[in-house]
Amino acid sequence: MDFVLALHSHLPWVLHHGRWPHGSDWLCEAAMDTYLPLLDVLERLEAERRPIPLTIGVTPVLANQLAHPDLAAELDAFIAQRLEACDEAARDFEASGETHLIPLTQFWRCRLQRLQTLFHALDGGLIGALTRQAREGRIELLSSAATHGFLPLLRRPESVQLQLRLGRREHRRLFGLEASGCWLPECAYREGLEQPLRDAGFDFFFVDAHMARAGRSLGLYGERDFVDGMREPDERPLDAVYPRSPYRAYYLRPRRGAPVAVLVREQETTLRVWSRHQGYPGDSGYLEFHKIRWPGGLKLWRVTDPNIDLGGKQPYDCNVARARAWKHAGNYVELLHSLGGMAGPLGGDLIATPFDTELFGHWWFEGLDFLHDLYRGLAEQDLVRPITASGHLSGGRAGGRQFIQLAEGSWGANGDFSKWLNPETQWTWDRLGPLEDRFWDLARAQLPACPPARLPAWEQATRELLLAQASDWQFIISTGAATDYAEQRFRGHCDGLSALLTAIERGDDESAGRLAHEYRKADDCFPDPLGVVREALAAGN
């Protein structure tokens, strides 16, 4: 049984849009809680000569921020603030008699300083370190849509083409590698998306289990081959001959080009890691995410009981938590064995478990210790083989490719699009759709013979369109966690796009250039997007 663990790393563009609570501090917190500790795990396992064939997706908009020259200064400022918070907390605890909490401030101080040293020692930063791991074959890197746009709800097919083609090109520019796999934003699929994925050069993606379960099997050679008489059809229904199981990869047949593979998220292995109430993160010994000391942002308490209020939380013990992570990693290996023993005789050969990378370290602080111990445990047995997604797909299968029609859906609440399209977010799509039409209609008319002086405005208009399309804004509005911020950011990108298009329409190259310069101060991602805009226009013909 092959085991593919995939991590999806993503944050919207937050550089140059403030610091606390939702600006660059959001990026720095993810880097300190997850990205740097994950790299530390990779390097520790490499030093132990243990394989860790993780499949790691990094969205192009996140990769642009991790590669940005301003990240180092932002990260140093963030760490300085946290170190000051450690000193302040220690003084306050001494004065209040809560001396039992002082060692925890030292725990955080040592961790912050160690990760800061690791960051400054990286040759090429986080992007360079991940590239080295990928070039050595220890991990596989996936790309995604450029700004994590919710592809099924974008109005124009050119927008889908732009998101996917630019995403793959940016991956090549930043990592120097081609990405075979694409992380569909929010695992959101609608019929026909396999074609722009194939056009962009992607070979596979991930979906949630219900989308395969509610789909329709097409047999080993695809429904068309049955119609053409290339294979005698079985009289039984195809779903009976080829039952849809989450324990194997499927294939979609685009109108043109090679098939596109689909890996299905297995539910039990996902629940154990993801759920606070039914999985490992709710263990009483783990760090409590929601109780935070202000000012400073230090977390000093343990879960204690997931059902008690924050006032009842007890002090954290890192040694107890570390032991729990080791125990849970062993339990997870046993779960993989059990599932493999059940699915293998039925023809299953794959357990695929995709997660948001930020679950590990940020939401579940001990999650990265869990990953370290999990891969150590997997290296000491031979019943389950950890492997990258491409490694599994290239291994072949005696039973041949099984084709399927997927049902529409996502991995969001209710398994549909409602987390992104609902009464609270409808206005965003009402605003975005006409802007898409305006952008693409004007681009088709002007770009073939655009004067050079107007190109910077077109480049920045493309960036503002892409940033407005990020799925994060609707998600944040729906959760209610930072609605004002998400609405402000969405409106800002839409306003910028509208102003640039107005200047372009008027032929006012001076005003368009001035606007482009101002907007690029904040939104300076994707250095050369217009080549892909032209590709998207050509693909739409």
Protein backbone atom coordinates (compact mmCIF):
# COMPACT_ATOMS: atom_id res chain seq x y z
CA MET A 1 0.00 0.00 0.00
CA ASP A 2 1.39 3.39 -1.01
CA PHE A 3 0.98 6.33 1.39
CA VAL A 4 0.94 9.85 -0.08
CA LEU A 5 0.96 12.64 2.49
CA ALA A 6 0.41 15.98 0.77
CA LEU A 7 0.76 19.39 2.43
CA HIS A 8 -0.82 22.48 0.89
CA SER A 9 0.97 25.73 1.81
CA HIS A 10 -0.87 28.96 1.13
CA LEU A 11 -1.38 32.50 2.36
CA PRO A 12 -2.83 35.44 0.41
CA TRP A 13 -0.66 38.42 -0.49
CA VAL A 14 -0.14 40.27 2.80
CA LEU A 15 3.27 41.93 2.36
CA HIS A 16 3.06 45.74 2.32
CA HIS A 17 -0.50 45.63 3.64
CA GLY A 18 0.21 46.38 7.30
CA ARG A 19 1.61 44.11 10.01
CA TRP A 20 -0.67 43.26 12.91
CA PRO A 21 -3.07 41.55 13.13
CA HIS A 22 -3.57 40.51 9.50
CA GLY A 23 -0.69 41.95 7.54
CA SER A 24 2.87 40.66 7.35
CA ASP A 25 2.60 39.26 10.90
CA TRP A 26 0.29 36.62 9.38
CA LEU A 27 3.08 35.54 7.03
CA CYS A 28 5.78 35.74 9.71
CA GLU A 29 3.70 33.69 12.13
CA ALA A 30 3.25 30.97 9.51
CA ALA A 31 6.97 31.01 8.74
CA MET A 32 7.93 30.69 12.42
CA ASP A 33 5.21 28.23 13.41
CA THR A 34 5.19 26.00 10.32
CA TYR A 35 7.51 26.62 7.36
CA LEU A 36 10.84 26.87 9.21
CA PRO A 37 10.01 24.05 11.68
CA LEU A 38 8.95 21.87 8.72
CA LEU A 39 12.27 22.53 7.04
CA ASP A 40 13.97 21.65 10.33
CA VAL A 41 12.13 18.29 10.34
CA LEU A 42 13.19 17.62 6.74
CA GLU A 43 16.81 18.35 7.58
CA ARG A 44 16.75 16.25 10.75
CA LEU A 45 15.36 13.25 8.91
CA GLU A 46 17.92 13.79 6.18
CA ALA A 47 20.69 13.76 8.81
CA GLU A 48 19.20 10.53 10.20
CA ARG A 49 19.22 9.12 6.64
CA ARG A 50 15.52 8.43 6.75
CA PRO A 51 13.34 9.06 3.69
CA ILE A 52 10.53 11.60 3.95
CA PRO A 53 8.85 11.60 0.53
CA LEU A 54 6.41 14.38 1.30
CA THR A 55 4.37 16.02 -1.43
CA ILE A 56 4.42 19.73 -0.63
CA GLY A 57 2.39 22.33 -2.47
CA VAL A 58 3.43 25.98 -2.31
CA THR A 59 1.04 28.41 -3.97
CA PRO A 60 2.74 30.90 -6.30
CA VAL A 61 1.45 33.87 -4.30
CA LEU A 62 3.00 32.43 -1.12
CA ALA A 63 6.24 31.54 -2.93
CA ASN A 64 6.48 35.13 -4.19
CA GLN A 65 6.30 36.34 -0.58
CA LEU A 66 8.80 33.78 0.73
CA ALA A 67 11.23 34.87 -1.99
CA HIS A 68 10.62 38.59 -1.47
CA PRO A 69 13.63 40.63 -0.24
CA ASP A 70 11.43 42.36 2.37
CA LEU A 71 10.61 39.11 4.17
CA ALA A 72 13.85 39.02 6.18
CA ALA A 73 13.28 42.46 7.72
CA GLU A 74 9.64 41.66 8.48
CA LEU A 75 10.61 38.38 10.11
CA ASP A 76 13.34 39.99 12.23
CA ALA A 77 10.87 42.63 13.44
CA PHE A 78 8.35 39.92 14.29
CA ILE A 79 10.91 37.89 16.24
CA ALA A 80 12.16 40.96 18.09
CA GLN A 81 8.62 41.68 19.24
CA ARG A 82 8.15 38.09 20.43
CA LEU A 83 11.49 38.07 22.28
CA GLU A 84 10.50 41.30 24.02
CA ALA A 85 7.22 39.62 24.96
CA CYS A 86 9.17 36.74 26.54
CA ASP A 87 11.16 39.17 28.72
CA GLU A 88 8.05 41.13 29.68
CA ALA A 89 6.13 37.97 30.58
CA ALA A 90 8.99 36.66 32.71
CA ARG A 91 9.10 39.94 34.66
CA ASP A 92 5.35 39.96 35.16
CA PHE A 93 5.30 36.34 36.34
CA GLU A 94 8.09 37.06 38.82
CA ALA A 95 6.15 40.02 40.20
CA SER A 96 2.85 38.13 40.40
CA GLY A 97 4.31 34.99 41.94
CA GLU A 98 3.48 32.82 38.88
CA THR A 99 7.06 31.61 38.74
CA HIS A 100 5.98 28.20 37.40
CA LEU A 101 5.33 29.88 34.06
CA ILE A 102 8.77 31.47 33.73
CA PRO A 103 10.43 28.34 32.23
CA LEU A 104 7.87 28.48 29.42
CA THR A 105 9.02 31.97 28.48
CA GLN A 106 12.55 30.57 28.22
CA PHE A 107 11.23 27.71 26.08
CA TRP A 108 9.80 30.21 23.61
CA ARG A 109 12.91 32.40 23.69
CA CYS A 110 15.17 29.46 22.80
CA ARG A 111 12.84 28.32 20.04
CA LEU A 112 12.57 31.77 18.48
CA GLN A 113 16.33 32.29 18.49
CA ARG A 114 17.01 28.84 17.03
CA LEU A 115 14.55 29.34 14.18
CA GLN A 116 15.89 32.82 13.48
CA THR A 117 19.39 31.37 13.22
CA LEU A 118 18.11 28.66 10.88
CA PHE A 119 16.45 31.25 8.64
CA HIS A 120 19.55 33.41 8.32
CA ALA A 121 21.70 30.35 7.60
CA LEU A 122 19.57 29.25 4.65
CA ASP A 123 21.24 29.57 1.29
CA GLY A 124 18.52 30.97 -0.95
CA GLY A 125 15.99 31.26 1.87
CA LEU A 126 13.04 28.93 2.29
CA ILE A 127 12.54 28.65 -1.46
CA GLY A 128 16.16 27.59 -1.97
CA ALA A 129 16.00 25.05 0.87
CA LEU A 130 12.84 23.43 -0.49
CA THR A 131 14.33 23.40 -3.99
CA ARG A 132 17.37 21.49 -2.73
CA GLN A 133 15.17 18.91 -1.03
CA ALA A 134 13.14 18.49 -4.23
CA ARG A 135 16.18 18.24 -6.50
CA GLU A 136 17.56 15.49 -4.27
CA GLY A 137 14.29 13.59 -4.63
CA ARG A 138 13.37 13.76 -0.97
CA ILE A 139 10.16 15.72 -1.54
CA GLU A 140 7.92 16.63 -4.46
CA LEU A 141 6.79 20.23 -4.95
CA LEU A 142 3.33 21.06 -6.31
CA SER A 143 2.10 24.33 -7.72
CA SER A 144 -1.39 25.83 -7.72
CA ALA A 145 -3.45 28.61 -9.23
CA ALA A 146 -1.47 31.84 -9.08
CA THR A 147 -3.41 33.55 -6.27
CA HIS A 148 -5.57 30.61 -5.16
CA GLY A 149 -8.56 31.80 -7.13
CA PHE A 150 -11.74 29.78 -6.64
CA LEU A 151 -11.70 28.43 -10.18
CA PRO A 152 -15.26 27.05 -10.53
CA LEU A 153 -16.75 30.47 -9.77
CA LEU A 154 -14.55 32.64 -11.99
CA ARG A 155 -16.69 34.07 -14.77
CA ARG A 156 -14.27 33.93 -17.67
CA PRO A 157 -12.43 30.82 -18.92
CA GLU A 158 -9.49 33.12 -19.65
CA SER A 159 -9.27 33.82 -15.90
CA VAL A 160 -8.99 30.10 -15.17
CA GLN A 161 -6.31 29.75 -17.85
CA LEU A 162 -4.40 32.72 -16.43
CA GLN A 163 -4.52 31.42 -12.86
CA LEU A 164 -3.24 27.95 -13.82
CA ARG A 165 -0.72 28.87 -16.51
CA LEU A 166 0.82 31.69 -14.49
CA GLY A 167 0.87 29.45 -11.42
CA ARG A 168 2.92 26.82 -13.20
CA ARG A 169 5.23 29.39 -14.80
CA GLU A 170 5.89 31.13 -11.48
CA HIS A 171 6.70 27.76 -9.92
CA ARG A 172 9.31 27.22 -12.64
CA ARG A 173 10.74 30.71 -12.16
CA LEU A 174 11.05 30.50 -8.38
CA PHE A 175 11.98 26.83 -7.85
CA GLY A 176 13.66 26.12 -11.19
CA LEU A 177 11.54 22.96 -11.46
CA GLU A 178 8.48 21.89 -13.39
CA ALA A 179 5.42 21.06 -11.30
CA SER A 180 3.60 17.90 -12.38
CA GLY A 181 0.85 18.31 -9.82
CA CYS A 182 -1.58 21.13 -9.09
CA TRP A 183 -3.34 21.83 -5.86
CA LEU A 184 -6.77 22.98 -6.96
CA PRO A 185 -7.67 25.88 -4.63
CA GLU A 186 -10.00 24.59 -1.91
CA CYS A 187 -9.98 21.24 -3.80
CA ALA A 188 -12.80 22.86 -5.77
CA TYR A 189 -13.74 21.09 -8.99
CA ARG A 190 -16.43 21.50 -11.62
CA GLU A 191 -16.85 19.54 -14.80
CA GLY A 192 -14.37 20.55 -17.49
CA LEU A 193 -11.56 21.88 -15.25
CA GLU A 194 -9.36 18.99 -16.37
CA GLN A 195 -8.94 20.74 -19.74
CA PRO A 196 -7.30 23.97 -18.50
CA LEU A 197 -5.26 21.85 -16.09
CA ARG A 198 -3.98 19.80 -19.00
CA ASP A 199 -3.46 22.93 -21.12
CA ALA A 200 -1.30 24.38 -18.35
CA GLY A 201 0.77 21.19 -18.21
CA PHE A 202 -0.48 19.63 -14.99
CA ASP A 203 -0.76 15.85 -14.69
CA PHE A 204 -2.74 15.38 -11.44
CA PHE A 205 -4.62 17.01 -8.58
CA PHE A 206 -6.39 16.06 -5.32
CA VAL A 207 -10.11 15.92 -4.48
CA ASP A 208 -12.18 15.11 -1.43
CA ALA A 209 -13.70 11.63 -1.15
CA HIS A 210 -17.33 12.66 -1.65
CA MET A 211 -16.57 14.03 -5.12
CA ALA A 212 -15.37 10.63 -6.30
CA ARG A 213 -18.07 8.75 -4.40
CA ALA A 214 -20.83 10.84 -6.00
CA GLY A 215 -19.25 10.67 -9.45
CA ARG A 216 -19.62 7.98 -12.09
CA SER A 217 -17.16 5.26 -13.04
CA LEU A 218 -16.25 5.07 -16.73
CA GLY A 219 -14.27 1.83 -16.70
CA LEU A 220 -10.64 1.03 -17.29
CA TYR A 221 -10.42 2.64 -20.69
CA GLY A 222 -12.97 5.42 -20.42
CA GLU A 223 -16.55 5.52 -21.60
CA ARG A 224 -15.61 6.60 -25.13
CA ASP A 225 -13.64 3.40 -25.66
CA PHE A 226 -16.72 1.35 -24.80
CA VAL A 227 -18.78 3.33 -27.30
CA ASP A 228 -16.16 2.94 -30.02
CA GLY A 229 -16.18 -0.84 -29.55
CA MET A 230 -12.52 -1.00 -28.53
CA ARG A 231 -13.47 -3.20 -25.61
CA GLU A 232 -16.49 -5.43 -25.10
CA PRO A 233 -18.72 -3.78 -22.49
CA ASP A 234 -19.63 -5.70 -19.35
CA GLU A 235 -23.39 -6.11 -18.92
CA ARG A 236 -23.21 -5.10 -15.28
CA PRO A 237 -23.31 -1.41 -14.31
CA LEU A 238 -19.86 0.11 -14.41
CA ASP A 239 -20.07 1.20 -10.76
CA ALA A 240 -20.45 -2.48 -9.83
CA VAL A 241 -17.55 -3.61 -12.04
CA TYR A 242 -15.27 -0.79 -10.96
CA PRO A 243 -16.43 0.39 -7.53
CA ARG A 244 -15.30 3.90 -6.59
CA SER A 245 -12.83 3.48 -3.78
CA PRO A 246 -10.74 6.19 -2.09
CA TYR A 247 -7.85 3.73 -2.11
CA ARG A 248 -6.75 4.28 -5.70
CA ALA A 249 -6.10 7.02 -8.25
CA TYR A 250 -8.58 7.79 -11.01
CA TYR A 251 -8.26 9.51 -14.37
CA LEU A 252 -10.21 12.21 -16.18
CA ARG A 253 -10.25 12.48 -19.95
CA PRO A 254 -10.01 16.07 -21.26
CA ARG A 255 -11.22 16.91 -24.73
CA ARG A 256 -7.63 17.11 -25.92
CA GLY A 257 -4.34 15.93 -24.49
CA ALA A 258 -3.37 13.16 -22.12
CA PRO A 259 -5.58 12.05 -19.19
CA VAL A 260 -5.31 13.90 -15.87
CA ALA A 261 -5.01 11.85 -12.67
CA VAL A 262 -7.01 12.41 -9.49
CA LEU A 263 -5.91 11.39 -5.99
CA VAL A 264 -8.75 11.02 -3.48
CA ARG A 265 -8.52 12.10 0.16
CA GLU A 266 -8.96 9.13 2.53
CA GLN A 267 -11.27 10.13 5.36
CA GLU A 268 -10.18 8.13 8.41
CA THR A 269 -6.51 9.10 8.16
CA THR A 270 -7.56 12.69 7.62
CA LEU A 271 -9.88 12.80 10.63
CA ARG A 272 -7.22 11.50 13.03
CA VAL A 273 -4.94 14.41 12.22
CA TRP A 274 -7.36 17.20 11.38
CA SER A 275 -10.12 16.97 13.98
CA ARG A 276 -9.67 18.66 17.34
CA HIS A 277 -12.53 16.64 18.83
CA GLN A 278 -12.05 13.23 17.18
CA GLY A 279 -8.36 13.34 16.36
CA TYR A 280 -4.96 13.78 17.96
CA PRO A 281 -4.84 17.62 18.23
CA GLY A 282 -7.42 17.58 21.03
CA ASP A 283 -5.16 15.58 23.36
CA SER A 284 -4.99 17.13 26.82
CA GLY A 285 -1.20 17.43 26.75
CA TYR A 286 -0.90 19.46 23.56
CA LEU A 287 -0.48 23.23 23.38
CA GLU A 288 -3.76 25.15 23.54
CA PHE A 289 -4.11 27.27 20.40
CA HIS A 290 -6.82 29.65 21.56
CA LYS A 291 -5.48 30.84 24.95
CA ILE A 292 -2.90 33.54 24.30
CA ARG A 293 -1.16 35.98 26.61
CA TRP A 294 -1.54 39.58 25.50
CA PRO A 295 0.38 41.68 24.82
CA GLY A 296 2.99 39.54 23.11
CA GLY A 297 1.06 36.58 21.74
CA LEU A 298 2.69 33.83 23.84
CA LYS A 299 0.90 30.50 24.29
CA LEU A 300 1.67 28.99 27.67
CA TRP A 301 -1.15 26.56 28.38
CA ARG A 302 -2.19 23.07 27.30
CA VAL A 303 -5.49 21.78 25.97
CA THR A 304 -6.24 20.19 29.36
CA ASP A 305 -9.77 19.30 28.18
CA PRO A 306 -11.14 20.41 24.80
CA ASN A 307 -14.54 21.03 26.38
CA ILE A 308 -13.56 23.42 29.19
CA ASP A 309 -13.33 27.19 28.84
CA LEU A 310 -10.01 29.00 28.54
CA GLY A 311 -9.94 29.89 32.24
CA GLY A 312 -9.54 26.21 33.14
CA LYS A 313 -6.46 25.56 31.01
CA GLN A 314 -3.36 24.30 32.81
CA PRO A 315 0.30 25.19 32.11
CA TYR A 316 1.96 23.51 29.14
CA ASP A 317 4.60 20.79 29.60
CA CYS A 318 6.66 20.37 26.42
CA ASN A 319 8.07 16.99 27.55
CA VAL A 320 4.61 15.49 28.05
CA ALA A 321 3.49 16.87 24.67
CA ARG A 322 6.54 15.44 22.93
CA ALA A 323 5.79 11.99 24.31
CA ARG A 324 2.19 12.24 23.13
CA ALA A 325 3.33 13.08 19.59
CA TRP A 326 5.54 9.97 19.54
CA LYS A 327 2.63 7.83 20.78
CA HIS A 328 0.22 9.22 18.21
CA ALA A 329 2.69 8.71 15.36
CA GLY A 330 2.89 5.04 16.32
CA ASN A 331 -0.88 4.82 16.42
CA TYR A 332 -1.06 6.37 12.96
CA VAL A 333 1.31 3.76 11.52
CA GLU A 334 -0.97 1.08 12.97
CA LEU A 335 -3.98 2.78 11.34
CA LEU A 336 -2.22 2.78 7.97
CA HIS A 337 -1.49 -0.95 8.37
CA SER A 338 -5.12 -1.64 9.21
CA LEU A 339 -6.47 0.31 6.25
CA GLY A 340 -3.94 -1.28 3.94
CA GLY A 341 -4.95 -4.72 5.10
CA MET A 342 -8.59 -3.90 4.43
CA ALA A 343 -8.23 -2.13 1.07
CA GLY A 344 -5.42 -4.16 -0.47
CA PRO A 345 -7.39 -7.35 -1.11
CA LEU A 346 -10.10 -5.21 -2.78
CA GLY A 347 -7.63 -3.78 -5.25
CA GLY A 348 -6.67 -0.65 -3.35
CA ASP A 349 -3.06 0.48 -3.56
CA LEU A 350 -3.10 4.06 -2.24
CA ILE A 351 -3.85 6.02 0.92
CA ALA A 352 -3.77 9.73 0.09
CA THR A 353 -4.06 12.26 2.92
CA PRO A 354 -3.84 15.95 1.99
CA PHE A 355 -3.79 18.70 4.62
CA ASP A 356 -3.12 22.40 4.90
CA THR A 357 0.54 22.69 5.83
CA GLU A 358 -0.30 25.30 8.47
CA LEU A 359 -2.20 22.65 10.45
CA PHE A 360 1.21 21.34 11.48
CA GLY A 361 3.00 23.65 13.88
CA HIS A 362 0.58 26.58 13.75
CA TRP A 363 -2.81 25.07 14.61
CA TRP A 364 -1.39 21.84 16.05
CA PHE A 365 1.91 22.88 17.57
CA GLU A 366 3.24 19.33 18.02
CA GLY A 367 2.13 18.29 14.53
CA LEU A 368 5.65 18.60 13.11
CA ASP A 369 7.06 16.37 15.86
CA PHE A 370 4.29 13.95 14.87
CA LEU A 371 5.46 14.05 11.24
CA HIS A 372 9.05 13.43 12.28
CA ASP A 373 8.10 10.41 14.36
CA LEU A 374 5.66 9.16 11.71
CA TYR A 375 8.33 8.98 9.02
CA ARG A 376 10.76 7.39 11.45
CA GLY A 377 8.13 4.74 12.16
CA LEU A 378 7.35 4.19 8.49
CA ALA A 379 11.05 3.68 7.74
CA GLU A 380 11.11 0.75 10.19
CA GLN A 381 8.36 -1.31 8.51
CA ASP A 382 7.61 -2.57 5.01
CA LEU A 383 3.81 -2.90 4.85
CA VAL A 384 3.11 0.72 3.91
CA ARG A 385 5.38 2.60 1.50
CA PRO A 386 5.58 6.39 1.88
CA ILE A 387 5.92 7.89 -1.58
CA THR A 388 5.32 11.14 -3.46
CA ALA A 389 2.21 11.57 -5.59
CA SER A 390 4.21 11.42 -8.84
CA GLY A 391 6.09 8.41 -7.53
CA HIS A 392 2.84 6.54 -7.03
CA LEU A 393 1.38 7.52 -10.40
CA SER A 394 4.54 6.57 -12.29
CA GLY A 395 4.63 3.14 -10.65
CA GLY A 396 1.98 1.72 -12.95
CA ARG A 397 -0.85 -0.60 -11.98
CA ALA A 398 -1.64 -4.06 -13.26
CA GLY A 399 -5.35 -3.30 -13.45
CA GLY A 400 -4.87 -0.32 -15.76
CA ARG A 401 -6.23 3.20 -15.50
CA GLN A 402 -9.72 3.64 -14.17
CA PHE A 403 -11.60 6.62 -15.61
CA ILE A 404 -14.25 8.53 -13.72
CA GLN A 405 -16.53 11.53 -13.93
CA LEU A 406 -16.18 13.57 -10.75
CA ALA A 407 -19.04 15.31 -9.01
CA GLU A 408 -18.83 19.05 -8.50
CA GLY A 409 -17.63 20.05 -5.04
CA SER A 410 -14.85 21.21 -2.71
CA TRP A 411 -13.32 20.23 0.61
CA GLY A 412 -15.09 23.12 2.32
CA ALA A 413 -18.11 23.04 4.61
CA ASN A 414 -20.97 21.00 3.12
CA GLY A 415 -18.61 19.70 0.44
CA ASP A 416 -19.88 22.30 -2.04
CA PHE A 417 -19.17 25.94 -2.96
CA SER A 418 -21.30 27.50 -0.22
CA LYS A 419 -18.36 28.65 1.90
CA TRP A 420 -17.38 30.96 -0.96
CA LEU A 421 -20.77 31.71 -2.53
CA ASN A 422 -23.48 32.63 -0.03
CA PRO A 423 -25.59 35.66 0.92
CA GLU A 424 -22.65 37.25 2.77
CA THR A 425 -20.28 36.96 -0.23
CA GLN A 426 -22.62 37.33 -3.22
CA TRP A 427 -21.67 41.00 -3.55
CA THR A 428 -18.02 40.07 -4.15
CA TRP A 429 -18.92 37.97 -7.18
CA ASP A 430 -21.31 40.68 -8.39
CA ARG A 431 -18.36 43.10 -8.29
CA LEU A 432 -15.71 40.74 -9.66
CA GLY A 433 -17.60 39.28 -12.62
CA PRO A 434 -18.09 42.53 -14.57
CA LEU A 435 -14.46 43.48 -13.87
CA GLU A 436 -13.34 40.17 -15.37
CA ASP A 437 -15.41 40.85 -18.48
CA ARG A 438 -14.06 44.36 -18.74
CA PHE A 439 -10.42 43.23 -18.34
CA TRP A 440 -10.57 40.43 -20.89
CA ASP A 441 -12.63 42.28 -23.48
CA LEU A 442 -10.26 45.25 -23.33
CA ALA A 443 -7.19 43.02 -23.34
CA ARG A 444 -8.40 41.23 -26.46
CA ALA A 445 -8.92 44.58 -28.18
CA GLN A 446 -5.75 46.36 -27.06
CA LEU A 447 -2.90 43.97 -26.23
CA PRO A 448 -2.13 42.80 -29.78
CA ALA A 449 -1.03 46.36 -30.68
CA CYS A 450 -0.45 47.92 -27.26
CA PRO A 451 2.00 50.88 -27.14
CA PRO A 452 5.01 50.14 -24.87
CA ALA A 453 4.17 53.05 -22.56
CA ARG A 454 0.89 51.34 -21.63
CA LEU A 455 2.35 47.93 -20.76
CA PRO A 456 3.19 48.71 -17.08
CA ALA A 457 -0.47 49.61 -16.52
CA TRP A 458 -1.58 46.35 -18.12
CA GLU A 459 0.89 44.42 -15.96
CA GLN A 460 -0.43 46.01 -12.77
CA ALA A 461 -4.04 45.57 -13.85
CA THR A 462 -3.29 41.86 -14.24
CA ARG A 463 -1.86 41.72 -10.71
CA GLU A 464 -4.88 43.48 -9.25
CA LEU A 465 -7.24 41.13 -11.09
CA LEU A 466 -5.39 38.08 -9.79
CA LEU A 467 -5.25 39.38 -6.21
CA ALA A 468 -8.96 40.25 -6.25
CA GLN A 469 -9.70 36.67 -7.37
CA ALA A 470 -8.06 35.07 -4.29
CA SER A 471 -10.48 32.66 -2.60
CA ASP A 472 -9.27 33.89 0.80
CA TRP A 473 -11.47 36.98 0.83
CA GLN A 474 -14.76 35.09 0.55
CA PHE A 475 -13.57 32.44 3.00
CA ILE A 476 -12.63 35.01 5.64
CA ILE A 477 -15.92 36.87 5.17
CA SER A 478 -17.85 33.62 5.61
CA THR A 479 -16.00 32.65 8.80
CA GLY A 480 -16.45 36.11 10.29
CA ALA A 481 -12.94 36.04 11.77
CA ALA A 482 -11.59 39.17 10.05
CA THR A 483 -14.40 40.35 7.82
CA ASP A 484 -13.36 44.01 7.74
CA TYR A 485 -9.85 43.12 6.58
CA ALA A 486 -11.04 40.78 3.83
CA GLU A 487 -13.62 43.26 2.55
CA GLN A 488 -11.05 46.07 2.57
CA ARG A 489 -8.51 44.00 0.67
CA PHE A 490 -11.03 42.78 -1.90
CA ARG A 491 -12.41 46.26 -2.53
CA GLY A 492 -8.91 47.70 -2.72
CA HIS A 493 -7.83 45.33 -5.49
CA CYS A 494 -11.10 45.81 -7.37
CA ASP A 495 -10.81 49.60 -7.09
CA GLY A 496 -7.23 49.47 -8.31
CA LEU A 497 -8.17 47.29 -11.26
CA SER A 498 -11.08 49.55 -12.18
CA ALA A 499 -8.95 52.72 -12.02
CA LEU A 500 -6.22 51.19 -14.17
CA LEU A 501 -8.71 49.96 -16.77
CA THR A 502 -10.34 53.39 -16.91
CA ALA A 503 -6.99 55.06 -17.61
CA ILE A 504 -6.19 52.42 -20.23
CA GLU A 505 -9.57 52.88 -21.91
CA ARG A 506 -9.03 56.64 -22.13
CA GLY A 507 -5.56 56.18 -23.61
CA ASP A 508 -4.19 58.30 -20.76
CA ASP A 509 -0.80 56.58 -20.55
CA GLU A 510 0.62 59.15 -18.12
CA SER A 511 -2.14 58.61 -15.54
CA ALA A 512 -2.10 54.85 -16.15
CA GLY A 513 1.64 54.72 -15.57
CA ARG A 514 1.37 56.78 -12.39
CA LEU A 515 -1.38 54.51 -11.03
CA ALA A 516 0.61 51.40 -11.93
CA HIS A 517 3.63 52.75 -10.04
CA GLU A 518 1.58 53.50 -6.94
CA TYR A 519 -0.22 50.16 -6.83
CA ARG A 520 2.95 48.20 -7.47
CA LYS A 521 4.51 49.59 -4.28
CA ALA A 522 2.14 47.33 -2.36
CA ASP A 523 1.38 44.61 -4.89
CA ASP A 524 4.69 43.73 -6.53
CA CYS A 525 4.20 40.01 -7.15
CA PHE A 526 4.51 38.14 -10.47
CA PRO A 527 7.15 40.19 -12.31
CA ASP A 528 6.00 39.52 -15.90
CA PRO A 529 2.38 38.34 -16.20
CA LEU A 530 1.46 39.68 -19.65
CA GLY A 531 2.92 36.78 -21.60
CA VAL A 532 0.49 34.49 -19.82
CA VAL A 533 -2.39 36.92 -20.41
CA ARG A 534 -1.70 36.57 -24.12
CA GLU A 535 -1.58 32.77 -23.79
CA ALA A 536 -4.93 32.80 -21.99
CA LEU A 537 -6.46 34.95 -24.73
CA ALA A 538 -5.17 32.57 -27.38
CA ALA A 539 -6.54 29.57 -25.46
CA GLY A 540 -9.95 31.25 -25.36
CA ASN A 541 -10.18 31.56 -29.15
